Every structure is written in C-alpha cells, then in structure tokens.
Amino acid sequence: MKDDFRPSAAQPNPPKDKRTYTKHKEHGEDMSHENERPHTNEPREDRGALDLTFLIEEHQKQIWAYKQKESEWIKTDNILQGSKKIIEELSTKIVGLARRTQELEYDNNTYKKEIEKLLAKTKK
C-alpha cells in the first residue's frame, strides 16, 4: 500500500475542497471536523447522577460545607459565652462599687455630723 492516493481515470483532477483526501489512510476519516467537540478549560462531568464515586464526592462537598457552618457556629458560641462571662464580672463589680458608694456616703454623712458637732462646741 502506498501513502499517496491517486485519482481514478474517471476523475483525473478532483476538486480542491476540505473533503479531498491526499493520503490513502485518510479515506475512513471524517474530514469535515463538524462532529468534533469544542475544547474548553472547564472540566467535563461524564459520570451519571447515580455513579457511586460522583455521589461520594458530592456528599464530601456537602459535609465540608456543613463543617464550615459548624465551625462558624462554634466560633459564635465561644464569643457569646465569653461575652456572658464579661457581663457577669462587670455586673458583680458594679454591685460591689454601688455597695462601697453607699458605705462611703454613710461615712461621709457621719463625719459631717461629727464635724458640725465639733464646730458647734468650738464656737461656744
């Protein structure tokens, strides 16, 4: 077999178009290229919806999404618990300071009365 395809005697000069074969081994190929798939950079998913590996991968993606949400919830809960603790500590301090203020006001009034008594004694 030769690689060059020679035209027959019935058609000595074949027309030049995209379907003209120049080599004998091209005879079985589709020269129009209309059935070729356009190439894209996106990965093509050829597995069906019931394929086990596809289902496993989809469930892993869902599990990862749920783990992300759970970590956000845990983070929010930790912030909430910390804020509650700070509020409790500040409330305790405020109550203590209010009690101390009352004690100081009582002492202040007591000293004021004693000072007035002493001043009244010294004026006499």
Protein backbone atom coordinates (compact mmCIF):
# COMPACT_ATOMS: atom_id res chain seq x y z
CA MET A 1 0.00 0.00 0.00
CA LYS A 2 1.19 3.43 -0.85
CA ASP A 3 0.59 6.53 1.24
CA ASP A 4 -0.31 8.67 -1.78
CA PHE A 5 -3.85 8.39 -3.07
CA ARG A 6 -4.07 8.61 -6.82
CA PRO A 7 -7.25 9.67 -8.55
CA SER A 8 -9.00 7.26 -10.85
CA ALA A 9 -9.24 7.57 -14.60
CA ALA A 10 -12.89 8.66 -14.29
CA GLN A 11 -11.91 11.66 -12.19
CA PRO A 12 -8.38 12.67 -13.14
CA ASN A 13 -8.48 16.12 -11.49
CA PRO A 14 -10.60 16.02 -8.31
CA PRO A 15 -11.92 19.37 -6.97
CA LYS A 16 -9.93 21.00 -4.18
CA ASP A 17 -12.08 21.25 -1.04
CA LYS A 18 -11.82 20.20 2.57
CA ARG A 19 -13.00 16.68 1.83
CA THR A 20 -10.25 15.89 -0.65
CA TYR A 21 -8.05 13.06 0.57
CA THR A 22 -4.32 13.36 0.00
CA LYS A 23 -3.26 10.13 1.65
CA HIS A 24 -4.82 6.70 1.38
CA LYS A 25 -5.06 6.20 5.16
CA GLU A 26 -7.30 9.29 5.49
CA HIS A 27 -10.06 7.60 3.46
CA GLY A 28 -12.01 6.44 6.56
CA GLU A 29 -11.74 9.69 8.49
CA ASP A 30 -14.36 12.42 8.67
CA MET A 31 -12.67 15.37 7.01
CA SER A 32 -15.39 17.91 7.82
CA HIS A 33 -14.50 18.11 11.53
CA GLU A 34 -18.10 19.05 12.27
CA ASN A 35 -18.54 16.29 14.81
CA GLU A 36 -15.59 17.30 16.97
CA ARG A 37 -16.21 18.51 20.49
CA PRO A 38 -15.20 22.12 21.14
CA HIS A 39 -12.47 22.24 23.75
CA THR A 40 -12.99 24.34 26.85
CA ASN A 41 -10.98 24.77 30.01
CA GLU A 42 -13.87 23.61 32.17
CA PRO A 43 -13.75 20.01 33.35
CA ARG A 44 -16.42 17.89 31.76
CA GLU A 45 -18.51 15.70 34.02
CA ASP A 46 -19.32 12.49 32.17
CA ARG A 47 -20.41 10.44 35.15
CA GLY A 48 -24.08 9.93 35.76
CA ALA A 49 -26.02 11.13 38.78
CA LEU A 50 -26.14 7.59 40.17
CA ASP A 51 -22.40 6.92 39.86
CA LEU A 52 -21.06 5.95 43.29
CA THR A 53 -17.84 7.99 43.10
CA PHE A 54 -19.81 11.03 41.95
CA LEU A 55 -22.24 10.63 44.88
CA ILE A 56 -19.35 10.23 47.34
CA GLU A 57 -17.67 13.39 46.07
CA GLU A 58 -20.93 15.35 46.26
CA HIS A 59 -21.54 14.16 49.83
CA GLN A 60 -17.97 15.07 50.78
CA LYS A 61 -18.59 18.59 49.44
CA GLN A 62 -21.80 18.81 51.47
CA ILE A 63 -20.02 17.52 54.60
CA TRP A 64 -17.27 20.11 54.13
CA ALA A 65 -19.88 22.87 53.80
CA TYR A 66 -21.61 21.68 57.00
CA LYS A 67 -18.28 21.54 58.84
CA GLN A 68 -17.60 25.14 57.79
CA LYS A 69 -21.02 26.21 59.09
CA GLU A 70 -20.45 24.27 62.32
CA SER A 71 -17.10 25.96 62.88
CA GLU A 72 -18.77 29.36 62.42
CA TRP A 73 -21.46 28.37 64.94
CA ILE A 74 -18.85 27.20 67.44
CA LYS A 75 -16.91 30.44 66.96
CA THR A 76 -20.08 32.48 67.53
CA ASP A 77 -20.97 30.40 70.60
CA ASN A 78 -17.49 30.94 72.07
CA ILE A 79 -17.83 34.69 71.56
CA LEU A 80 -21.28 34.58 73.19
CA GLN A 81 -20.03 32.61 76.23
CA GLY A 82 -17.07 34.98 76.63
CA SER A 83 -19.36 37.99 76.44
CA LYS A 84 -21.68 36.48 79.06
CA LYS A 85 -18.73 35.92 81.40
CA ILE A 86 -17.52 39.51 80.94
CA ILE A 87 -21.05 40.83 81.61
CA GLU A 88 -21.32 38.75 84.79
CA GLU A 89 -17.94 40.00 86.04
CA LEU A 90 -18.81 43.62 85.28
CA SER A 91 -22.22 43.24 86.97
CA THR A 92 -20.52 41.86 90.09
CA LYS A 93 -18.07 44.78 90.11
CA ILE A 94 -20.89 47.31 89.64
CA VAL A 95 -22.84 45.84 92.57
CA GLY A 96 -19.69 45.94 94.72
CA LEU A 97 -18.98 49.53 93.72
CA ALA A 98 -22.58 50.54 94.44
CA ARG A 99 -22.35 48.99 97.92
CA ARG A 100 -19.00 50.72 98.53
CA THR A 101 -20.52 54.05 97.39
CA GLN A 102 -23.38 53.64 99.88
CA GLU A 103 -20.90 52.89 102.66
CA LEU A 104 -18.84 55.95 101.78
CA GLU A 105 -21.93 58.16 101.67
CA TYR A 106 -22.95 56.88 105.12
CA ASP A 107 -19.44 57.52 106.45
CA ASN A 108 -19.42 60.95 104.83
CA ASN A 109 -22.73 61.87 106.48
CA THR A 110 -21.48 60.54 109.84
CA TYR A 111 -18.25 62.59 109.62
CA LYS A 112 -20.22 65.64 108.51
CA LYS A 113 -22.43 65.40 111.61
CA GLU A 114 -19.39 64.97 113.87
CA ILE A 115 -17.64 67.94 112.27
CA GLU A 116 -20.75 70.08 112.80
CA LYS A 117 -20.85 69.00 116.50
CA LEU A 118 -17.20 69.86 116.92
CA LEU A 119 -17.62 73.24 115.23
CA ALA A 120 -20.67 73.97 117.40
CA LYS A 121 -18.62 73.15 120.56
CA THR A 122 -15.72 75.36 119.49
CA LYS A 123 -17.99 78.36 118.81
CA LYS A 124 -19.46 78.25 122.32
